[in-house]
Amino acid sequence: YYLGSYAALVAHDLTPDIIVGTCGGSLSAYLVHLAP
């Protein structure tokens, strides 16, 4: 669900400049790094 949330921010010109990931969210952050 973090990946979908990120995509919504991108779609509304609110792309994060930095993502801070913890626990399972760290894997999501890595996936965004690979495929922004």
PDB file of all heavy atoms in Angstrom:
ATOM      1  N   TYR A   1       0.827  -1.218   0.000  1.00  0.00           N
ATOM      2  CA  TYR A   1       0.000   0.000   0.000  1.00  0.00           C
ATOM      3  C   TYR A   1       0.858   1.263   0.000  1.00  0.00           C
ATOM      4  O   TYR A   1       0.408   2.320  -0.449  1.00  0.00           O
ATOM      5  CB  TYR A   1      -1.030  -0.004   1.131  1.00  0.00           C
ATOM      6  CG  TYR A   1      -0.562   0.206   2.548  1.00  0.00           C
ATOM      7  CD1 TYR A   1      -0.277   1.474   3.047  1.00  0.00           C
ATOM      8  CD2 TYR A   1      -0.481  -0.873   3.432  1.00  0.00           C
ATOM      9  CE1 TYR A   1       0.103   1.664   4.366  1.00  0.00           C
ATOM     10  CE2 TYR A   1      -0.110  -0.690   4.759  1.00  0.00           C
ATOM     11  CZ  TYR A   1       0.189   0.580   5.225  1.00  0.00           C
ATOM     12  OH  TYR A   1       0.549   0.761   6.537  1.00  0.00           O
ATOM     13  N   TYR A   2       2.100   1.166   0.472  1.00  0.00           N
ATOM     14  CA  TYR A   2       2.993   2.324   0.370  1.00  0.00           C
ATOM     15  C   TYR A   2       3.301   2.654  -1.085  1.00  0.00           C
ATOM     16  O   TYR A   2       3.449   3.821  -1.455  1.00  0.00           O
ATOM     17  CB  TYR A   2       4.299   2.055   1.112  1.00  0.00           C
ATOM     18  CG  TYR A   2       4.154   1.948   2.597  1.00  0.00           C
ATOM     19  CD1 TYR A   2       4.559   0.800   3.275  1.00  0.00           C
ATOM     20  CD2 TYR A   2       3.618   2.984   3.348  1.00  0.00           C
ATOM     21  CE1 TYR A   2       4.436   0.692   4.649  1.00  0.00           C
ATOM     22  CE2 TYR A   2       3.490   2.886   4.728  1.00  0.00           C
ATOM     23  CZ  TYR A   2       3.896   1.728   5.366  1.00  0.00           C
ATOM     24  OH  TYR A   2       3.762   1.630   6.718  1.00  0.00           O
ATOM     25  N   LEU A   3       3.417   1.624  -1.905  1.00  0.00           N
ATOM     26  CA  LEU A   3       3.741   1.841  -3.312  1.00  0.00           C
ATOM     27  C   LEU A   3       2.593   2.556  -4.022  1.00  0.00           C
ATOM     28  O   LEU A   3       2.810   3.479  -4.815  1.00  0.00           O
ATOM     29  CB  LEU A   3       4.047   0.502  -3.989  1.00  0.00           C
ATOM     30  CG  LEU A   3       5.131  -0.347  -3.309  1.00  0.00           C
ATOM     31  CD1 LEU A   3       5.335  -1.648  -4.063  1.00  0.00           C
ATOM     32  CD2 LEU A   3       6.431   0.430  -3.188  1.00  0.00           C
ATOM     33  N   GLY A   4       1.355   2.146  -3.721  1.00  0.00           N
ATOM     34  CA  GLY A   4       0.205   2.834  -4.286  1.00  0.00           C
ATOM     35  C   GLY A   4       0.091   4.260  -3.788  1.00  0.00           C
ATOM     36  O   GLY A   4      -0.253   5.180  -4.548  1.00  0.00           O
ATOM     37  N   SER A   5       0.391   4.474  -2.511  1.00  0.00           N
ATOM     38  CA  SER A   5       0.351   5.821  -1.946  1.00  0.00           C
ATOM     39  C   SER A   5       1.375   6.719  -2.624  1.00  0.00           C
ATOM     40  O   SER A   5       1.082   7.864  -2.991  1.00  0.00           O
ATOM     41  CB  SER A   5       0.607   5.756  -0.443  1.00  0.00           C
ATOM     42  OG  SER A   5       0.628   7.047   0.131  1.00  0.00           O
ATOM     43  N   TYR A   6       2.585   6.196  -2.791  1.00  0.00           N
ATOM     44  CA  TYR A   6       3.631   6.946  -3.497  1.00  0.00           C
ATOM     45  C   TYR A   6       3.170   7.308  -4.906  1.00  0.00           C
ATOM     46  O   TYR A   6       3.349   8.453  -5.367  1.00  0.00           O
ATOM     47  CB  TYR A   6       4.912   6.113  -3.533  1.00  0.00           C
ATOM     48  CG  TYR A   6       5.934   6.576  -4.548  1.00  0.00           C
ATOM     49  CD1 TYR A   6       6.779   7.642  -4.278  1.00  0.00           C
ATOM     50  CD2 TYR A   6       6.044   5.928  -5.791  1.00  0.00           C
ATOM     51  CE1 TYR A   6       7.714   8.067  -5.216  1.00  0.00           C
ATOM     52  CE2 TYR A   6       6.972   6.350  -6.727  1.00  0.00           C
ATOM     53  CZ  TYR A   6       7.805   7.415  -6.444  1.00  0.00           C
ATOM     54  OH  TYR A   6       8.715   7.835  -7.368  1.00  0.00           O
ATOM     55  N   ALA A   7       2.567   6.346  -5.621  1.00  0.00           N
ATOM     56  CA  ALA A   7       2.104   6.601  -6.988  1.00  0.00           C
ATOM     57  C   ALA A   7       1.061   7.721  -7.014  1.00  0.00           C
ATOM     58  O   ALA A   7       1.043   8.540  -7.940  1.00  0.00           O
ATOM     59  CB  ALA A   7       1.537   5.318  -7.595  1.00  0.00           C
ATOM     60  N   ALA A   8       0.194   7.771  -6.010  1.00  0.00           N
ATOM     61  CA  ALA A   8      -0.812   8.835  -5.947  1.00  0.00           C
ATOM     62  C   ALA A   8      -0.156  10.198  -5.740  1.00  0.00           C
ATOM     63  O   ALA A   8      -0.576  11.194  -6.340  1.00  0.00           O
ATOM     64  CB  ALA A   8      -1.814   8.537  -4.831  1.00  0.00           C
ATOM     65  N   LEU A   9       0.863  10.259  -4.899  1.00  0.00           N
ATOM     66  CA  LEU A   9       1.573  11.524  -4.703  1.00  0.00           C
ATOM     67  C   LEU A   9       2.239  11.973  -6.000  1.00  0.00           C
ATOM     68  O   LEU A   9       2.198  13.152  -6.362  1.00  0.00           O
ATOM     69  CB  LEU A   9       2.614  11.378  -3.586  1.00  0.00           C
ATOM     70  CG  LEU A   9       2.080  11.184  -2.166  1.00  0.00           C
ATOM     71  CD1 LEU A   9       3.241  11.029  -1.184  1.00  0.00           C
ATOM     72  CD2 LEU A   9       1.198  12.353  -1.740  1.00  0.00           C
ATOM     73  N   VAL A  10       2.851  11.030  -6.715  1.00  0.00           N
ATOM     74  CA  VAL A  10       3.481  11.366  -7.991  1.00  0.00           C
ATOM     75  C   VAL A  10       2.437  11.897  -8.975  1.00  0.00           C
ATOM     76  O   VAL A  10       2.653  12.903  -9.660  1.00  0.00           O
ATOM     77  CB  VAL A  10       4.199  10.133  -8.579  1.00  0.00           C
ATOM     78  CG1 VAL A  10       4.708  10.431  -9.993  1.00  0.00           C
ATOM     79  CG2 VAL A  10       5.364   9.703  -7.685  1.00  0.00           C
ATOM     80  N   ALA A  11       1.279  11.239  -9.025  1.00  0.00           N
ATOM     81  CA  ALA A  11       0.229  11.636  -9.968  1.00  0.00           C
ATOM     82  C   ALA A  11      -0.308  13.031  -9.686  1.00  0.00           C
ATOM     83  O   ALA A  11      -0.854  13.687 -10.576  1.00  0.00           O
ATOM     84  CB  ALA A  11      -0.905  10.615  -9.930  1.00  0.00           C
ATOM     85  N   HIS A  12      -0.162  13.492  -8.446  1.00  0.00           N
ATOM     86  CA  HIS A  12      -0.675  14.810  -8.060  1.00  0.00           C
ATOM     87  C   HIS A  12       0.458  15.827  -7.851  1.00  0.00           C
ATOM     88  O   HIS A  12       0.299  16.812  -7.124  1.00  0.00           O
ATOM     89  CB  HIS A  12      -1.518  14.687  -6.783  1.00  0.00           C
ATOM     90  CG  HIS A  12      -2.809  13.965  -6.996  1.00  0.00           C
ATOM     91  ND1 HIS A  12      -2.897  12.579  -6.991  1.00  0.00           N
ATOM     92  CD2 HIS A  12      -4.073  14.428  -7.232  1.00  0.00           C
ATOM     93  CE1 HIS A  12      -4.157  12.232  -7.199  1.00  0.00           C
ATOM     94  NE2 HIS A  12      -4.883  13.319  -7.350  1.00  0.00           N
ATOM     95  N   ASP A  13       1.591  15.585  -8.495  1.00  0.00           N
ATOM     96  CA  ASP A  13       2.737  16.504  -8.442  1.00  0.00           C
ATOM     97  C   ASP A  13       3.219  16.760  -7.022  1.00  0.00           C
ATOM     98  O   ASP A  13       3.621  17.878  -6.666  1.00  0.00           O
ATOM     99  CB  ASP A  13       2.407  17.830  -9.127  1.00  0.00           C
ATOM    100  CG  ASP A  13       2.149  17.665 -10.620  1.00  0.00           C
ATOM    101  OD1 ASP A  13       2.845  16.843 -11.248  1.00  0.00           O
ATOM    102  OD2 ASP A  13       1.236  18.337 -11.143  1.00  0.00           O
ATOM    103  N   LEU A  14       3.186  15.726  -6.201  1.00  0.00           N
ATOM    104  CA  LEU A  14       3.670  15.819  -4.823  1.00  0.00           C
ATOM    105  C   LEU A  14       4.747  14.765  -4.573  1.00  0.00           C
ATOM    106  O   LEU A  14       4.891  14.239  -3.468  1.00  0.00           O
ATOM    107  CB  LEU A  14       2.506  15.618  -3.842  1.00  0.00           C
ATOM    108  CG  LEU A  14       1.411  16.692  -3.867  1.00  0.00           C
ATOM    109  CD1 LEU A  14       0.186  16.218  -3.080  1.00  0.00           C
ATOM    110  CD2 LEU A  14       1.934  18.004  -3.286  1.00  0.00           C
ATOM    111  N   THR A  15       5.513  14.455  -5.591  1.00  0.00           N
ATOM    112  CA  THR A  15       6.524  13.401  -5.501  1.00  0.00           C
ATOM    113  C   THR A  15       7.453  13.624  -4.313  1.00  0.00           C
ATOM    114  O   THR A  15       8.021  14.719  -4.167  1.00  0.00           O
ATOM    115  CB  THR A  15       7.363  13.348  -6.787  1.00  0.00           C
ATOM    116  OG1 THR A  15       6.495  13.149  -7.907  1.00  0.00           O
ATOM    117  CG2 THR A  15       8.377  12.219  -6.725  1.00  0.00           C
ATOM    118  N   PRO A  16       7.623  12.632  -3.459  1.00  0.00           N
ATOM    119  CA  PRO A  16       8.549  12.794  -2.329  1.00  0.00           C
ATOM    120  C   PRO A  16       9.988  12.999  -2.815  1.00  0.00           C
ATOM    121  O   PRO A  16      10.429  12.365  -3.773  1.00  0.00           O
ATOM    122  CB  PRO A  16       8.413  11.463  -1.569  1.00  0.00           C
ATOM    123  CG  PRO A  16       7.140  10.862  -2.044  1.00  0.00           C
ATOM    124  CD  PRO A  16       6.947  11.329  -3.445  1.00  0.00           C
ATOM    125  N   ASP A  17      10.690  13.882  -2.142  1.00  0.00           N
ATOM    126  CA  ASP A  17      12.119  14.062  -2.412  1.00  0.00           C
ATOM    127  C   ASP A  17      12.947  13.051  -1.633  1.00  0.00           C
ATOM    128  O   ASP A  17      14.065  12.722  -2.031  1.00  0.00           O
ATOM    129  CB  ASP A  17      12.557  15.478  -2.024  1.00  0.00           C
ATOM    130  CG  ASP A  17      11.784  16.531  -2.800  1.00  0.00           C
ATOM    131  OD1 ASP A  17      11.876  16.535  -4.037  1.00  0.00           O
ATOM    132  OD2 ASP A  17      11.063  17.327  -2.164  1.00  0.00           O
ATOM    133  N   ILE A  18      12.386  12.583  -0.524  1.00  0.00           N
ATOM    134  CA  ILE A  18      13.035  11.549   0.272  1.00  0.00           C
ATOM    135  C   ILE A  18      11.961  10.686   0.908  1.00  0.00           C
ATOM    136  O   ILE A  18      10.900  11.176   1.302  1.00  0.00           O
ATOM    137  CB  ILE A  18      13.971  12.145   1.352  1.00  0.00           C
ATOM    138  CG1 ILE A  18      14.711  11.022   2.101  1.00  0.00           C
ATOM    139  CG2 ILE A  18      13.219  13.056   2.302  1.00  0.00           C
ATOM    140  CD1 ILE A  18      15.805  11.524   3.046  1.00  0.00           C
ATOM    141  N   ILE A  19      12.242   9.396   0.971  1.00  0.00           N
ATOM    142  CA  ILE A  19      11.381   8.433   1.648  1.00  0.00           C
ATOM    143  C   ILE A  19      12.174   7.839   2.803  1.00  0.00           C
ATOM    144  O   ILE A  19      13.333   7.437   2.626  1.00  0.00           O
ATOM    145  CB  ILE A  19      10.923   7.316   0.697  1.00  0.00           C
ATOM    146  CG1 ILE A  19      10.007   7.887  -0.394  1.00  0.00           C
ATOM    147  CG2 ILE A  19      10.209   6.199   1.459  1.00  0.00           C
ATOM    148  CD1 ILE A  19       9.704   6.904  -1.517  1.00  0.00           C
ATOM    149  N   VAL A  20      11.569   7.798   3.979  1.00  0.00           N
ATOM    150  CA  VAL A  20      12.186   7.165   5.139  1.00  0.00           C
ATOM    151  C   VAL A  20      11.421   5.880   5.418  1.00  0.00           C
ATOM    152  O   VAL A  20      10.225   5.910   5.718  1.00  0.00           O
ATOM    153  CB  VAL A  20      12.159   8.081   6.379  1.00  0.00           C
ATOM    154  CG1 VAL A  20      12.892   7.414   7.543  1.00  0.00           C
ATOM    155  CG2 VAL A  20      12.795   9.434   6.057  1.00  0.00           C
ATOM    156  N   GLY A  21      12.103   4.748   5.296  1.00  0.00           N
ATOM    157  CA  GLY A  21      11.459   3.447   5.457  1.00  0.00           C
ATOM    158  C   GLY A  21      11.872   2.754   6.736  1.00  0.00           C
ATOM    159  O   GLY A  21      13.040   2.813   7.140  1.00  0.00           O
ATOM    160  N   THR A  22      10.900   2.110   7.373  1.00  0.00           N
ATOM    161  CA  THR A  22      11.177   1.298   8.559  1.00  0.00           C
ATOM    162  C   THR A  22      10.487  -0.049   8.411  1.00  0.00           C
ATOM    163  O   THR A  22       9.405  -0.153   7.842  1.00  0.00           O
ATOM    164  CB  THR A  22      10.688   1.972   9.854  1.00  0.00           C
ATOM    165  OG1 THR A  22       9.272   2.195   9.762  1.00  0.00           O
ATOM    166  CG2 THR A  22      11.373   3.302  10.080  1.00  0.00           C
ATOM    167  N   CYS A  23      11.117  -1.088   8.933  1.00  0.00           N
ATOM    168  CA  CYS A  23      10.580  -2.457   8.909  1.00  0.00           C
ATOM    169  C   CYS A  23      10.173  -2.838   7.486  1.00  0.00           C
ATOM    170  O   CYS A  23      10.949  -2.658   6.561  1.00  0.00           O
ATOM    171  CB  CYS A  23       9.433  -2.584   9.909  1.00  0.00           C
ATOM    172  SG  CYS A  23       9.954  -2.315  11.615  1.00  0.00           S
ATOM    173  N   GLY A  24       8.936  -3.341   7.293  1.00  0.00           N
ATOM    174  CA  GLY A  24       8.505  -3.715   5.950  1.00  0.00           C
ATOM    175  C   GLY A  24       8.529  -2.556   4.984  1.00  0.00           C
ATOM    176  O   GLY A  24       8.715  -2.742   3.770  1.00  0.00           O
ATOM    177  N   GLY A  25       8.361  -1.350   5.498  1.00  0.00           N
ATOM    178  CA  GLY A  25       8.413  -0.164   4.652  1.00  0.00           C
ATOM    179  C   GLY A  25       9.782   0.070   4.040  1.00  0.00           C
ATOM    180  O   GLY A  25       9.899   0.765   3.016  1.00  0.00           O
ATOM    181  N   SER A  26      10.826  -0.506   4.632  1.00  0.00           N
ATOM    182  CA  SER A  26      12.163  -0.354   4.046  1.00  0.00           C
ATOM    183  C   SER A  26      12.253  -1.102   2.720  1.00  0.00           C
ATOM    184  O   SER A  26      12.932  -0.644   1.790  1.00  0.00           O
ATOM    185  CB  SER A  26      13.232  -0.853   5.021  1.00  0.00           C
ATOM    186  OG  SER A  26      13.145  -2.261   5.218  1.00  0.00           O
ATOM    187  N   LEU A  27      11.576  -2.250   2.617  1.00  0.00           N
ATOM    188  CA  LEU A  27      11.543  -2.972   1.351  1.00  0.00           C
ATOM    189  C   LEU A  27      10.791  -2.164   0.302  1.00  0.00           C
ATOM    190  O   LEU A  27      11.221  -2.067  -0.857  1.00  0.00           O
ATOM    191  CB  LEU A  27      10.898  -4.347   1.530  1.00  0.00           C
ATOM    192  CG  LEU A  27      10.739  -5.182   0.255  1.00  0.00           C
ATOM    193  CD1 LEU A  27      12.091  -5.435  -0.409  1.00  0.00           C
ATOM    194  CD2 LEU A  27      10.039  -6.506   0.567  1.00  0.00           C
ATOM    195  N   SER A  28       9.675  -1.555   0.682  1.00  0.00           N
ATOM    196  CA  SER A  28       8.939  -0.694  -0.249  1.00  0.00           C
ATOM    197  C   SER A  28       9.808   0.461  -0.725  1.00  0.00           C
ATOM    198  O   SER A  28       9.789   0.826  -1.910  1.00  0.00           O
ATOM    199  CB  SER A  28       7.675  -0.148   0.425  1.00  0.00           C
ATOM    200  OG  SER A  28       6.787  -1.178   0.761  1.00  0.00           O
ATOM    201  N   ALA A  29      10.565   1.055   0.193  1.00  0.00           N
ATOM    202  CA  ALA A  29      11.444   2.165  -0.181  1.00  0.00           C
ATOM    203  C   ALA A  29      12.488   1.706  -1.194  1.00  0.00           C
ATOM    204  O   ALA A  29      12.807   2.431  -2.148  1.00  0.00           O
ATOM    205  CB  ALA A  29      12.111   2.741   1.070  1.00  0.00           C
ATOM    206  N   TYR A  30      13.021   0.516  -1.001  1.00  0.00           N
ATOM    207  CA  TYR A  30      14.000  -0.027  -1.949  1.00  0.00           C
ATOM    208  C   TYR A  30      13.371  -0.241  -3.318  1.00  0.00           C
ATOM    209  O   TYR A  30      13.989   0.041  -4.360  1.00  0.00           O
ATOM    210  CB  TYR A  30      14.578  -1.324  -1.400  1.00  0.00           C
ATOM    211  CG  TYR A  30      15.609  -1.972  -2.309  1.00  0.00           C
ATOM    212  CD1 TYR A  30      16.616  -1.221  -2.911  1.00  0.00           C
ATOM    213  CD2 TYR A  30      15.575  -3.343  -2.553  1.00  0.00           C
ATOM    214  CE1 TYR A  30      17.564  -1.823  -3.732  1.00  0.00           C
ATOM    215  CE2 TYR A  30      16.518  -3.951  -3.376  1.00  0.00           C
ATOM    216  CZ  TYR A  30      17.510  -3.189  -3.961  1.00  0.00           C
ATOM    217  OH  TYR A  30      18.439  -3.785  -4.781  1.00  0.00           O
ATOM    218  N   LEU A  31      12.137  -0.711  -3.354  1.00  0.00           N
ATOM    219  CA  LEU A  31      11.457  -0.911  -4.628  1.00  0.00           C
ATOM    220  C   LEU A  31      11.268   0.415  -5.364  1.00  0.00           C
ATOM    221  O   LEU A  31      11.438   0.485  -6.588  1.00  0.00           O
ATOM    222  CB  LEU A  31      10.107  -1.600  -4.403  1.00  0.00           C
ATOM    223  CG  LEU A  31      10.158  -3.001  -3.786  1.00  0.00           C
ATOM    224  CD1 LEU A  31       8.747  -3.549  -3.582  1.00  0.00           C
ATOM    225  CD2 LEU A  31      10.978  -3.954  -4.647  1.00  0.00           C
ATOM    226  N   VAL A  32      10.930   1.473  -4.632  1.00  0.00           N
ATOM    227  CA  VAL A  32      10.812   2.799  -5.259  1.00  0.00           C
ATOM    228  C   VAL A  32      12.168   3.249  -5.791  1.00  0.00           C
ATOM    229  O   VAL A  32      12.265   3.847  -6.867  1.00  0.00           O
ATOM    230  CB  VAL A  32      10.237   3.826  -4.266  1.00  0.00           C
ATOM    231  CG1 VAL A  32      10.306   5.236  -4.846  1.00  0.00           C
ATOM    232  CG2 VAL A  32       8.798   3.473  -3.903  1.00  0.00           C
ATOM    233  N   HIS A  33      13.222   2.968  -5.049  1.00  0.00           N
ATOM    234  CA  HIS A  33      14.569   3.314  -5.505  1.00  0.00           C
ATOM    235  C   HIS A  33      14.877   2.635  -6.836  1.00  0.00           C
ATOM    236  O   HIS A  33      15.467   3.250  -7.734  1.00  0.00           O
ATOM    237  CB  HIS A  33      15.587   2.888  -4.449  1.00  0.00           C
ATOM    238  CG  HIS A  33      17.018   2.992  -4.889  1.00  0.00           C
ATOM    239  ND1 HIS A  33      17.687   4.193  -4.995  1.00  0.00           N
ATOM    240  CD2 HIS A  33      17.908   2.025  -5.275  1.00  0.00           C
ATOM    241  CE1 HIS A  33      18.933   3.976  -5.414  1.00  0.00           C
ATOM    242  NE2 HIS A  33      19.083   2.676  -5.601  1.00  0.00           N
ATOM    243  N   LEU A  34      14.474   1.391  -6.971  1.00  0.00           N
ATOM    244  CA  LEU A  34      14.744   0.647  -8.205  1.00  0.00           C
ATOM    245  C   LEU A  34      13.863   1.102  -9.356  1.00  0.00           C
ATOM    246  O   LEU A  34      14.282   1.086 -10.511  1.00  0.00           O
ATOM    247  CB  LEU A  34      14.532  -0.854  -7.962  1.00  0.00           C
ATOM    248  CG  LEU A  34      15.498  -1.545  -7.008  1.00  0.00           C
ATOM    249  CD1 LEU A  34      15.063  -2.984  -6.769  1.00  0.00           C
ATOM    250  CD2 LEU A  34      16.926  -1.501  -7.545  1.00  0.00           C
ATOM    251  N   ALA A  35      12.635   1.486  -9.057  1.00  0.00           N
ATOM    252  CA  ALA A  35      11.660   1.807 -10.103  1.00  0.00           C
ATOM    253  C   ALA A  35      10.844   3.028  -9.694  1.00  0.00           C
ATOM    254  O   ALA A  35       9.685   2.897  -9.286  1.00  0.00           O
ATOM    255  CB  ALA A  35      10.752   0.605 -10.359  1.00  0.00           C
ATOM    256  N   PRO A  36      11.404   4.219  -9.781  1.00  0.00           N
ATOM    257  CA  PRO A  36      10.690   5.414  -9.312  1.00  0.00           C
ATOM    258  C   PRO A  36       9.476   5.790 -10.150  1.00  0.00           C
ATOM    259  O   PRO A  36       8.574   6.463  -9.655  1.00  0.00           O
ATOM    260  CB  PRO A  36      11.758   6.510  -9.356  1.00  0.00           C
ATOM    261  CG  PRO A  36      12.774   6.012 -10.333  1.00  0.00           C
ATOM    262  CD  PRO A  36      12.788   4.527 -10.198  1.00  0.00           C
TER     263      PRO A  36
END
